[in-house]
Amino acid sequence: MTRGLALGLLLALFEPPAPGSYELPVIGRVAERELVDSSGARVSFPALDAGQVAVVALIYQSCHEAQGCPASLAFLRELDRRLAADPARAKRVRLASVSFDPKHDTPARLAELRGLMAPKTDWRFLVPDGNESLVALLRDFGQDVVELDGGAKRHVMKVYLVDAERRVRNIYAAGFLDPDLVLADVATLTE
């Protein structure tokens, strides 16, 4: 049995605990930052209202790792569709794809990505406005990125759950990127 198949079977058998039956401790804190959105406007990030949470994926569009950025974008698209089916919950969640490649992921390229993803809920596509802003953002999230020859970037795919006080409450990696788990965590923090 391949590792991927075994992991898929484990996730299929995994049932998250009932929302609210557990606590999500604070893992870290992120600063309010000014980023650029897919229209080119400067926006505050994460800029959540009381009772809201953000599900944040740090990505770059030219990533070719199957279990990297393409997987996190597909995951956010799945969450977007599930949230769209539950408008009351959708009001409490903001999705954010934040590029860590400001040199190539321009607002125009993010607008193209936004068009491809066709969001049904509050899903933002953002990028830092330069290297200084990028370094601060990556430090906030504890996301390591190493630039390789040819422009590729080595990183571990992570998706973050951030509450309205800008506290990181969970970090999901490829092995635990399960929509039911994330939605249970969202409900635990917002209900």
N, C-alpha and C. Protein backbone atom coordinates (compact mmCIF):
# COMPACT_ATOMS: atom_id res chain seq x y z
N MET A 1 0.86 -1.18 0.00
CA MET A 1 0.00 0.00 0.00
C MET A 1 0.90 1.24 0.00
N THR A 2 0.60 2.19 -0.85
CA THR A 2 1.41 3.41 -0.89
C THR A 2 1.09 4.30 0.30
N ARG A 3 2.05 5.16 0.63
CA ARG A 3 1.86 6.07 1.78
C ARG A 3 0.65 6.98 1.56
N GLY A 4 0.48 7.49 0.33
CA GLY A 4 -0.65 8.37 0.04
C GLY A 4 -1.99 7.67 0.20
N LEU A 5 -2.06 6.43 -0.25
CA LEU A 5 -3.30 5.66 -0.12
C LEU A 5 -3.60 5.38 1.35
N ALA A 6 -2.56 5.01 2.11
CA ALA A 6 -2.74 4.74 3.54
C ALA A 6 -3.23 5.99 4.26
N LEU A 7 -2.62 7.13 3.94
CA LEU A 7 -3.04 8.39 4.57
C LEU A 7 -4.48 8.73 4.18
N GLY A 8 -4.82 8.50 2.93
CA GLY A 8 -6.19 8.76 2.48
C GLY A 8 -7.20 7.89 3.22
N LEU A 9 -6.85 6.63 3.44
CA LEU A 9 -7.74 5.74 4.19
C LEU A 9 -7.90 6.19 5.64
N LEU A 10 -6.79 6.62 6.26
CA LEU A 10 -6.88 7.12 7.63
C LEU A 10 -7.77 8.35 7.72
N LEU A 11 -7.60 9.28 6.77
CA LEU A 11 -8.45 10.48 6.78
C LEU A 11 -9.91 10.12 6.54
N ALA A 12 -10.16 9.13 5.70
CA ALA A 12 -11.54 8.72 5.44
C ALA A 12 -12.17 8.15 6.71
N LEU A 13 -11.37 7.52 7.56
CA LEU A 13 -11.87 6.94 8.80
C LEU A 13 -11.92 7.96 9.94
N PHE A 14 -11.20 9.06 9.78
CA PHE A 14 -11.12 10.06 10.83
C PHE A 14 -12.43 10.83 10.93
N GLU A 15 -12.93 10.95 12.11
CA GLU A 15 -14.12 11.76 12.36
C GLU A 15 -13.75 12.81 13.40
N PRO A 16 -13.80 14.10 13.04
CA PRO A 16 -13.41 15.12 14.00
C PRO A 16 -14.35 15.13 15.20
N PRO A 17 -13.84 15.58 16.35
CA PRO A 17 -14.71 15.67 17.52
C PRO A 17 -15.81 16.70 17.30
N ALA A 18 -16.84 16.62 18.08
CA ALA A 18 -17.95 17.57 17.97
C ALA A 18 -17.45 18.98 18.24
N PRO A 19 -17.87 19.95 17.42
CA PRO A 19 -17.47 21.33 17.67
C PRO A 19 -17.82 21.77 19.09
N GLY A 20 -16.89 22.48 19.70
CA GLY A 20 -17.11 22.98 21.05
C GLY A 20 -16.79 21.98 22.14
N SER A 21 -16.49 20.73 21.77
CA SER A 21 -16.17 19.72 22.78
C SER A 21 -14.68 19.72 23.13
N TYR A 22 -13.92 20.63 22.54
CA TYR A 22 -12.48 20.71 22.76
C TYR A 22 -12.05 22.17 22.66
N GLU A 23 -10.83 22.42 23.08
CA GLU A 23 -10.28 23.78 23.01
C GLU A 23 -9.16 23.83 21.99
N LEU A 24 -8.99 24.99 21.41
CA LEU A 24 -7.88 25.22 20.50
C LEU A 24 -6.96 26.25 21.15
N PRO A 25 -5.84 25.81 21.71
CA PRO A 25 -4.95 26.75 22.39
C PRO A 25 -4.32 27.74 21.40
N VAL A 26 -3.87 28.84 21.93
CA VAL A 26 -3.18 29.84 21.11
C VAL A 26 -1.79 29.30 20.78
N ILE A 27 -1.46 29.28 19.50
CA ILE A 27 -0.16 28.80 19.02
C ILE A 27 0.79 29.97 18.82
N GLY A 28 0.26 31.09 18.37
CA GLY A 28 1.06 32.27 18.08
C GLY A 28 0.15 33.44 17.79
N ARG A 29 0.75 34.54 17.40
CA ARG A 29 0.00 35.75 17.10
C ARG A 29 0.59 36.38 15.84
N VAL A 30 -0.29 36.90 14.99
CA VAL A 30 0.16 37.60 13.79
C VAL A 30 -0.21 39.08 13.92
N ALA A 31 0.60 39.91 13.31
CA ALA A 31 0.34 41.36 13.33
C ALA A 31 -0.65 41.73 12.23
N GLU A 32 -1.33 42.83 12.45
CA GLU A 32 -2.16 43.40 11.38
C GLU A 32 -1.18 43.95 10.35
N ARG A 33 -1.32 43.58 9.12
CA ARG A 33 -0.40 43.99 8.06
C ARG A 33 -1.17 44.60 6.90
N GLU A 34 -0.50 45.44 6.16
CA GLU A 34 -1.07 46.00 4.93
C GLU A 34 -0.54 45.16 3.77
N LEU A 35 -1.46 44.57 3.01
CA LEU A 35 -1.11 43.79 1.84
C LEU A 35 -1.81 44.39 0.63
N VAL A 36 -1.55 43.83 -0.53
CA VAL A 36 -2.18 44.29 -1.78
C VAL A 36 -3.11 43.18 -2.25
N ASP A 37 -4.35 43.56 -2.61
CA ASP A 37 -5.29 42.54 -3.06
C ASP A 37 -5.27 42.39 -4.58
N SER A 38 -6.11 41.52 -5.08
CA SER A 38 -6.11 41.19 -6.51
C SER A 38 -6.58 42.33 -7.39
N SER A 39 -7.13 43.38 -6.79
CA SER A 39 -7.51 44.56 -7.59
C SER A 39 -6.41 45.62 -7.57
N GLY A 40 -5.35 45.37 -6.78
CA GLY A 40 -4.26 46.34 -6.65
C GLY A 40 -4.43 47.28 -5.47
N ALA A 41 -5.52 47.14 -4.72
CA ALA A 41 -5.78 48.02 -3.58
C ALA A 41 -4.99 47.54 -2.36
N ARG A 42 -4.56 48.50 -1.55
CA ARG A 42 -3.92 48.18 -0.27
C ARG A 42 -5.02 47.90 0.74
N VAL A 43 -4.90 46.74 1.41
CA VAL A 43 -5.92 46.34 2.38
C VAL A 43 -5.24 45.87 3.66
N SER A 44 -5.97 45.97 4.74
CA SER A 44 -5.51 45.48 6.02
C SER A 44 -5.75 43.97 6.09
N PHE A 45 -4.80 43.26 6.68
CA PHE A 45 -4.89 41.80 6.79
C PHE A 45 -4.45 41.38 8.17
N PRO A 46 -5.17 40.51 8.87
CA PRO A 46 -6.36 39.79 8.44
C PRO A 46 -7.65 40.58 8.58
N ALA A 47 -7.67 41.68 9.35
CA ALA A 47 -8.83 42.58 9.42
C ALA A 47 -10.15 41.85 9.65
N LEU A 48 -10.21 41.11 10.74
CA LEU A 48 -11.40 40.33 11.07
C LEU A 48 -12.28 41.09 12.05
N ASP A 49 -13.58 40.90 11.92
CA ASP A 49 -14.54 41.43 12.88
C ASP A 49 -14.63 40.47 14.07
N ALA A 50 -15.15 40.97 15.18
CA ALA A 50 -15.36 40.12 16.36
C ALA A 50 -16.18 38.90 15.94
N GLY A 51 -15.76 37.73 16.39
CA GLY A 51 -16.49 36.51 16.08
C GLY A 51 -16.13 35.89 14.74
N GLN A 52 -15.24 36.51 13.99
CA GLN A 52 -14.81 35.96 12.70
C GLN A 52 -13.49 35.23 12.86
N VAL A 53 -13.23 34.31 11.95
CA VAL A 53 -11.94 33.64 11.85
C VAL A 53 -11.49 33.69 10.40
N ALA A 54 -10.18 33.49 10.21
CA ALA A 54 -9.63 33.41 8.86
C ALA A 54 -8.94 32.06 8.69
N VAL A 55 -9.10 31.49 7.51
CA VAL A 55 -8.35 30.30 7.11
C VAL A 55 -7.39 30.81 6.05
N VAL A 56 -6.10 30.76 6.37
CA VAL A 56 -5.07 31.41 5.56
C VAL A 56 -4.12 30.37 4.99
N ALA A 57 -3.93 30.42 3.68
CA ALA A 57 -2.95 29.57 3.01
C ALA A 57 -1.88 30.47 2.40
N LEU A 58 -0.63 30.22 2.75
CA LEU A 58 0.49 30.94 2.14
C LEU A 58 0.93 30.14 0.93
N ILE A 59 0.92 30.79 -0.24
CA ILE A 59 1.11 30.08 -1.50
C ILE A 59 2.02 30.87 -2.44
N TYR A 60 2.43 30.24 -3.52
CA TYR A 60 2.93 30.97 -4.68
C TYR A 60 2.45 30.22 -5.91
N GLN A 61 2.05 30.98 -6.93
CA GLN A 61 1.33 30.37 -8.05
C GLN A 61 2.16 29.43 -8.91
N SER A 62 3.47 29.61 -8.96
CA SER A 62 4.25 28.72 -9.82
C SER A 62 4.75 27.48 -9.09
N CYS A 63 4.20 27.19 -7.93
CA CYS A 63 4.53 25.98 -7.17
C CYS A 63 4.02 24.76 -7.94
N HIS A 64 4.89 23.77 -8.06
CA HIS A 64 4.51 22.56 -8.79
C HIS A 64 4.47 21.32 -7.90
N GLU A 65 4.61 21.51 -6.60
CA GLU A 65 4.55 20.39 -5.66
C GLU A 65 3.09 19.97 -5.50
N ALA A 66 2.76 18.74 -5.83
CA ALA A 66 1.37 18.28 -5.78
C ALA A 66 0.78 18.46 -4.38
N GLN A 67 1.57 18.22 -3.33
CA GLN A 67 1.08 18.39 -1.96
C GLN A 67 1.45 19.75 -1.41
N GLY A 68 1.67 20.72 -2.27
CA GLY A 68 2.01 22.07 -1.87
C GLY A 68 0.89 23.05 -2.16
N CYS A 69 1.24 24.12 -2.81
CA CYS A 69 0.29 25.20 -3.06
C CYS A 69 -0.95 24.77 -3.85
N PRO A 70 -0.81 23.93 -4.90
CA PRO A 70 -2.03 23.48 -5.59
C PRO A 70 -3.00 22.76 -4.64
N ALA A 71 -2.47 21.98 -3.71
CA ALA A 71 -3.33 21.27 -2.76
C ALA A 71 -4.01 22.25 -1.81
N SER A 72 -3.29 23.28 -1.35
CA SER A 72 -3.92 24.23 -0.44
C SER A 72 -4.96 25.08 -1.16
N LEU A 73 -4.73 25.41 -2.43
CA LEU A 73 -5.75 26.15 -3.20
C LEU A 73 -7.00 25.29 -3.42
N ALA A 74 -6.79 24.02 -3.75
CA ALA A 74 -7.94 23.12 -3.93
C ALA A 74 -8.70 22.96 -2.62
N PHE A 75 -7.97 22.91 -1.52
CA PHE A 75 -8.59 22.79 -0.21
C PHE A 75 -9.43 24.04 0.10
N LEU A 76 -8.88 25.23 -0.14
CA LEU A 76 -9.66 26.45 0.11
C LEU A 76 -10.87 26.52 -0.80
N ARG A 77 -10.73 26.03 -2.01
CA ARG A 77 -11.89 26.01 -2.92
C ARG A 77 -12.99 25.09 -2.37
N GLU A 78 -12.60 23.95 -1.83
CA GLU A 78 -13.58 23.05 -1.21
C GLU A 78 -14.24 23.72 -0.01
N LEU A 79 -13.45 24.39 0.84
CA LEU A 79 -14.04 25.11 1.98
C LEU A 79 -14.98 26.20 1.50
N ASP A 80 -14.58 26.92 0.46
CA ASP A 80 -15.41 27.99 -0.10
C ASP A 80 -16.77 27.44 -0.53
N ARG A 81 -16.77 26.31 -1.19
CA ARG A 81 -18.03 25.72 -1.66
C ARG A 81 -18.89 25.25 -0.48
N ARG A 82 -18.26 24.65 0.52
CA ARG A 82 -19.02 24.20 1.69
C ARG A 82 -19.58 25.38 2.48
N LEU A 83 -18.78 26.43 2.61
CA LEU A 83 -19.26 27.62 3.32
C LEU A 83 -20.40 28.29 2.56
N ALA A 84 -20.32 28.31 1.24
CA ALA A 84 -21.38 28.93 0.44
C ALA A 84 -22.71 28.23 0.67
N ALA A 85 -22.67 26.96 0.99
CA ALA A 85 -23.91 26.20 1.27
C ALA A 85 -24.45 26.49 2.66
N ASP A 86 -23.70 27.22 3.48
CA ASP A 86 -24.10 27.54 4.86
C ASP A 86 -23.84 29.03 5.10
N PRO A 87 -24.70 29.92 4.57
CA PRO A 87 -24.44 31.36 4.64
C PRO A 87 -24.21 31.91 6.05
N ALA A 88 -24.88 31.35 7.05
CA ALA A 88 -24.68 31.83 8.42
C ALA A 88 -23.24 31.58 8.86
N ARG A 89 -22.71 30.41 8.57
CA ARG A 89 -21.32 30.11 8.91
C ARG A 89 -20.37 30.92 8.03
N ALA A 90 -20.71 31.06 6.76
CA ALA A 90 -19.84 31.78 5.82
C ALA A 90 -19.57 33.21 6.29
N LYS A 91 -20.53 33.85 6.95
CA LYS A 91 -20.34 35.22 7.44
C LYS A 91 -19.25 35.30 8.50
N ARG A 92 -18.95 34.18 9.14
CA ARG A 92 -17.96 34.16 10.22
C ARG A 92 -16.57 33.72 9.77
N VAL A 93 -16.42 33.45 8.46
CA VAL A 93 -15.15 32.92 7.97
C VAL A 93 -14.66 33.74 6.78
N ARG A 94 -13.38 34.07 6.83
CA ARG A 94 -12.71 34.69 5.68
C ARG A 94 -11.62 33.73 5.23
N LEU A 95 -11.59 33.45 3.95
CA LEU A 95 -10.51 32.66 3.37
C LEU A 95 -9.50 33.62 2.78
N ALA A 96 -8.22 33.27 2.88
CA ALA A 96 -7.18 34.14 2.32
C ALA A 96 -6.07 33.29 1.72
N SER A 97 -5.79 33.54 0.45
CA SER A 97 -4.61 32.98 -0.21
C SER A 97 -3.61 34.11 -0.30
N VAL A 98 -2.50 33.97 0.43
CA VAL A 98 -1.50 35.04 0.49
C VAL A 98 -0.23 34.54 -0.18
N SER A 99 0.17 35.21 -1.25
CA SER A 99 1.36 34.80 -1.99
C SER A 99 2.63 35.23 -1.26
N PHE A 100 3.63 34.34 -1.29
CA PHE A 100 4.94 34.73 -0.79
C PHE A 100 5.92 34.89 -1.96
N ASP A 101 5.39 35.25 -3.13
CA ASP A 101 6.21 35.53 -4.31
C ASP A 101 5.76 36.85 -4.94
N PRO A 102 6.01 37.99 -4.24
CA PRO A 102 5.53 39.26 -4.76
C PRO A 102 6.16 39.66 -6.10
N LYS A 103 7.31 39.09 -6.41
CA LYS A 103 7.97 39.41 -7.68
C LYS A 103 7.15 38.91 -8.88
N HIS A 104 6.55 37.74 -8.74
CA HIS A 104 5.80 37.14 -9.85
C HIS A 104 4.28 37.16 -9.66
N ASP A 105 3.83 37.05 -8.43
CA ASP A 105 2.38 37.03 -8.17
C ASP A 105 1.87 38.46 -7.99
N THR A 106 1.77 39.13 -9.11
CA THR A 106 1.29 40.51 -9.13
C THR A 106 -0.22 40.52 -8.88
N PRO A 107 -0.77 41.69 -8.57
CA PRO A 107 -2.23 41.76 -8.44
C PRO A 107 -2.96 41.24 -9.69
N ALA A 108 -2.41 41.51 -10.86
CA ALA A 108 -3.06 41.02 -12.09
C ALA A 108 -3.07 39.49 -12.13
N ARG A 109 -1.97 38.86 -11.74
CA ARG A 109 -1.93 37.39 -11.71
C ARG A 109 -2.85 36.84 -10.62
N LEU A 110 -2.93 37.55 -9.50
CA LEU A 110 -3.85 37.12 -8.45
C LEU A 110 -5.30 37.26 -8.92
N ALA A 111 -5.58 38.29 -9.71
CA ALA A 111 -6.93 38.46 -10.25
C ALA A 111 -7.28 37.29 -11.18
N GLU A 112 -6.31 36.83 -11.97
CA GLU A 112 -6.53 35.66 -12.83
C GLU A 112 -6.82 34.43 -11.98
N LEU A 113 -6.04 34.25 -10.91
CA LEU A 113 -6.26 33.11 -10.01
C LEU A 113 -7.64 33.20 -9.37
N ARG A 114 -8.00 34.38 -8.94
CA ARG A 114 -9.33 34.59 -8.36
C ARG A 114 -10.41 34.19 -9.36
N GLY A 115 -10.24 34.57 -10.61
CA GLY A 115 -11.20 34.19 -11.65
C GLY A 115 -11.29 32.68 -11.81
N LEU A 116 -10.15 31.99 -11.77
CA LEU A 116 -10.15 30.53 -11.89
C LEU A 116 -10.83 29.86 -10.70
N MET A 117 -10.60 30.40 -9.50
CA MET A 117 -11.18 29.80 -8.30
C MET A 117 -12.66 30.14 -8.15
N ALA A 118 -13.10 31.24 -8.75
CA ALA A 118 -14.50 31.66 -8.73
C ALA A 118 -15.11 31.59 -7.33
N PRO A 119 -14.58 32.38 -6.38
CA PRO A 119 -15.06 32.29 -5.00
C PRO A 119 -16.54 32.61 -4.86
N LYS A 120 -17.15 31.87 -3.96
CA LYS A 120 -18.58 32.07 -3.64
C LYS A 120 -18.75 32.78 -2.29
N THR A 121 -17.66 32.88 -1.52
CA THR A 121 -17.70 33.51 -0.19
C THR A 121 -16.60 34.56 -0.11
N ASP A 122 -16.30 35.01 1.09
CA ASP A 122 -15.27 36.03 1.32
C ASP A 122 -13.89 35.38 1.24
N TRP A 123 -13.37 35.25 0.02
CA TRP A 123 -12.06 34.64 -0.22
C TRP A 123 -11.19 35.70 -0.87
N ARG A 124 -10.13 36.08 -0.18
CA ARG A 124 -9.25 37.14 -0.66
C ARG A 124 -7.94 36.57 -1.18
N PHE A 125 -7.42 37.23 -2.20
CA PHE A 125 -6.15 36.85 -2.83
C PHE A 125 -5.21 38.03 -2.64
N LEU A 126 -4.15 37.82 -1.87
CA LEU A 126 -3.32 38.92 -1.39
C LEU A 126 -1.84 38.66 -1.62
N VAL A 127 -1.06 39.75 -1.59
CA VAL A 127 0.39 39.63 -1.73
C VAL A 127 1.03 40.80 -0.97
N PRO A 128 2.18 40.57 -0.32
CA PRO A 128 2.91 41.68 0.30
C PRO A 128 3.42 42.62 -0.80
N ASP A 129 3.67 43.87 -0.44
CA ASP A 129 4.08 44.85 -1.45
C ASP A 129 5.59 44.89 -1.67
N GLY A 130 6.33 44.00 -1.06
CA GLY A 130 7.78 43.96 -1.27
C GLY A 130 8.43 43.02 -0.29
N ASN A 131 9.76 42.94 -0.38
CA ASN A 131 10.50 41.96 0.40
C ASN A 131 10.40 42.21 1.91
N GLU A 132 10.47 43.45 2.35
CA GLU A 132 10.40 43.73 3.79
C GLU A 132 9.06 43.28 4.37
N SER A 133 8.00 43.59 3.67
CA SER A 133 6.65 43.17 4.09
C SER A 133 6.53 41.65 4.07
N LEU A 134 7.12 41.01 3.06
CA LEU A 134 7.09 39.56 2.93
C LEU A 134 7.81 38.89 4.11
N VAL A 135 9.00 39.37 4.43
CA VAL A 135 9.78 38.78 5.53
C VAL A 135 9.00 38.87 6.84
N ALA A 136 8.38 40.02 7.10
CA ALA A 136 7.60 40.19 8.34
C ALA A 136 6.41 39.24 8.37
N LEU A 137 5.72 39.09 7.25
CA LEU A 137 4.57 38.19 7.17
C LEU A 137 4.98 36.74 7.42
N LEU A 138 6.04 36.29 6.76
CA LEU A 138 6.50 34.92 6.93
C LEU A 138 6.95 34.66 8.36
N ARG A 139 7.59 35.66 8.97
CA ARG A 139 8.01 35.53 10.38
C ARG A 139 6.79 35.39 11.28
N ASP A 140 5.76 36.21 11.05
CA ASP A 140 4.53 36.12 11.84
C ASP A 140 3.96 34.71 11.85
N PHE A 141 3.92 34.09 10.68
CA PHE A 141 3.30 32.78 10.54
C PHE A 141 4.28 31.62 10.79
N GLY A 142 5.54 31.94 10.97
CA GLY A 142 6.52 30.87 11.17
C GLY A 142 6.68 30.01 9.93
N GLN A 143 6.53 30.64 8.77
CA GLN A 143 6.61 29.91 7.49
C GLN A 143 8.00 30.10 6.91
N ASP A 144 8.74 29.00 6.80
CA ASP A 144 10.06 29.05 6.17
C ASP A 144 9.90 28.88 4.67
N VAL A 145 10.65 29.70 3.91
CA VAL A 145 10.66 29.61 2.46
C VAL A 145 12.11 29.78 2.03
N VAL A 146 12.59 28.85 1.23
CA VAL A 146 13.96 28.91 0.72
C VAL A 146 13.87 29.01 -0.80
N GLU A 147 14.51 30.03 -1.35
CA GLU A 147 14.52 30.18 -2.81
C GLU A 147 15.59 29.29 -3.40
N LEU A 148 15.21 28.49 -4.38
CA LEU A 148 16.13 27.58 -5.06
C LEU A 148 16.53 28.18 -6.40
N ASP A 149 17.54 27.60 -7.01
CA ASP A 149 17.94 28.04 -8.35
C ASP A 149 16.76 27.90 -9.30
N GLY A 150 16.61 28.84 -10.19
CA GLY A 150 15.52 28.79 -11.16
C GLY A 150 14.22 29.39 -10.67
N GLY A 151 14.20 29.92 -9.43
CA GLY A 151 13.02 30.62 -8.94
C GLY A 151 12.05 29.76 -8.14
N ALA A 152 12.27 28.43 -8.14
CA ALA A 152 11.39 27.59 -7.33
C ALA A 152 11.63 27.89 -5.85
N LYS A 153 10.65 27.59 -5.03
CA LYS A 153 10.74 27.86 -3.61
C LYS A 153 10.46 26.58 -2.84
N ARG A 154 11.29 26.30 -1.87
CA ARG A 154 11.10 25.13 -1.02
C ARG A 154 10.36 25.60 0.23
N HIS A 155 9.27 24.92 0.56
CA HIS A 155 8.48 25.27 1.74
C HIS A 155 7.62 24.09 2.14
N VAL A 156 7.14 24.14 3.36
CA VAL A 156 6.19 23.13 3.83
C VAL A 156 4.81 23.74 3.71
N MET A 157 3.90 23.02 3.06
CA MET A 157 2.55 23.54 2.90
C MET A 157 1.86 23.58 4.25
N LYS A 158 1.36 24.76 4.60
CA LYS A 158 0.62 24.94 5.85
C LYS A 158 -0.59 25.82 5.58
N VAL A 159 -1.66 25.53 6.28
CA VAL A 159 -2.86 26.37 6.27
C VAL A 159 -3.12 26.72 7.74
N TYR A 160 -3.44 27.97 7.99
CA TYR A 160 -3.55 28.48 9.36
C TYR A 160 -4.99 28.90 9.67
N LEU A 161 -5.38 28.66 10.92
CA LEU A 161 -6.66 29.16 11.43
C LEU A 161 -6.34 30.30 12.39
N VAL A 162 -6.85 31.50 12.07
CA VAL A 162 -6.56 32.70 12.84
C VAL A 162 -7.87 33.28 13.36
N ASP A 163 -7.90 33.63 14.66
CA ASP A 163 -9.12 34.20 15.24
C ASP A 163 -9.13 35.72 15.12
N ALA A 164 -10.20 36.34 15.59
CA ALA A 164 -10.39 37.79 15.44
C ALA A 164 -9.35 38.60 16.21
N GLU A 165 -8.71 38.00 17.20
CA GLU A 165 -7.64 38.69 17.94
C GLU A 165 -6.28 38.43 17.29
N ARG A 166 -6.29 37.90 16.09
CA ARG A 166 -5.08 37.62 15.30
C ARG A 166 -4.20 36.55 15.94
N ARG A 167 -4.84 35.63 16.66
CA ARG A 167 -4.11 34.53 17.27
C ARG A 167 -4.24 33.29 16.39
N VAL A 168 -3.12 32.66 16.11
CA VAL A 168 -3.13 31.41 15.35
C VAL A 168 -3.62 30.32 16.29
N ARG A 169 -4.69 29.65 15.88
CA ARG A 169 -5.32 28.64 16.74
C ARG A 169 -5.12 27.21 16.25
N ASN A 170 -4.74 27.05 14.98
CA ASN A 170 -4.38 25.73 14.48
C ASN A 170 -3.56 25.90 13.21
N ILE A 171 -2.72 24.90 12.95
CA ILE A 171 -1.93 24.86 11.72
C ILE A 171 -2.16 23.48 11.12
N TYR A 172 -2.60 23.46 9.87
CA TYR A 172 -2.90 22.21 9.17
C TYR A 172 -1.83 21.99 8.10
N ALA A 173 -1.28 20.81 8.07
CA ALA A 173 -0.31 20.44 7.04
C ALA A 173 -0.98 19.40 6.13
N ALA A 174 -0.25 18.94 5.15
CA ALA A 174 -0.83 18.04 4.15
C ALA A 174 -1.53 16.84 4.77
N GLY A 175 -1.00 16.26 5.83
CA GLY A 175 -1.59 15.08 6.42
C GLY A 175 -2.90 15.33 7.16
N PHE A 176 -3.16 16.57 7.53
CA PHE A 176 -4.38 16.88 8.29
C PHE A 176 -5.19 17.98 7.63
N LEU A 177 -5.14 18.07 6.34
CA LEU A 177 -5.90 19.07 5.60
C LEU A 177 -7.25 18.47 5.25
N ASP A 178 -8.11 18.41 6.26
CA ASP A 178 -9.41 17.78 6.14
C ASP A 178 -10.49 18.85 6.34
N PRO A 179 -11.37 19.06 5.37
CA PRO A 179 -12.39 20.10 5.50
C PRO A 179 -13.29 19.92 6.72
N ASP A 180 -13.63 18.68 7.06
CA ASP A 180 -14.49 18.46 8.23
C ASP A 180 -13.80 18.91 9.51
N LEU A 181 -12.51 18.63 9.62
CA LEU A 181 -11.75 19.05 10.80
C LEU A 181 -11.69 20.58 10.88
N VAL A 182 -11.37 21.23 9.77
CA VAL A 182 -11.26 22.69 9.77
C VAL A 182 -12.62 23.32 10.10
N LEU A 183 -13.68 22.80 9.53
CA LEU A 183 -15.01 23.36 9.82
C LEU A 183 -15.42 23.10 11.27
N ALA A 184 -15.00 21.98 11.84
CA ALA A 184 -15.26 21.74 13.27
C ALA A 184 -14.48 22.74 14.12
N ASP A 185 -13.23 23.01 13.72
CA ASP A 185 -12.43 24.00 14.44
C ASP A 185 -13.03 25.40 14.31
N VAL A 186 -13.50 25.74 13.12
CA VAL A 186 -14.16 27.04 12.91
C VAL A 186 -15.37 27.14 13.82
N ALA A 187 -16.20 26.11 13.86
CA ALA A 187 -17.39 26.13 14.71
C ALA A 187 -17.00 26.22 16.19
N THR A 188 -15.93 25.56 16.59
CA THR A 188 -15.47 25.62 17.97
C THR A 188 -15.12 27.05 18.38
N LEU A 189 -14.54 27.80 17.45
CA LEU A 189 -14.14 29.17 17.75
C LEU A 189 -15.25 30.21 17.56
N THR A 190 -16.25 29.90 16.76
CA THR A 190 -17.23 30.94 16.39
C THR A 190 -18.63 30.69 16.94
N GLU A 191 -18.91 29.53 17.49
CA GLU A 191 -20.28 29.26 17.95
C GLU A 191 -20.36 29.26 19.45
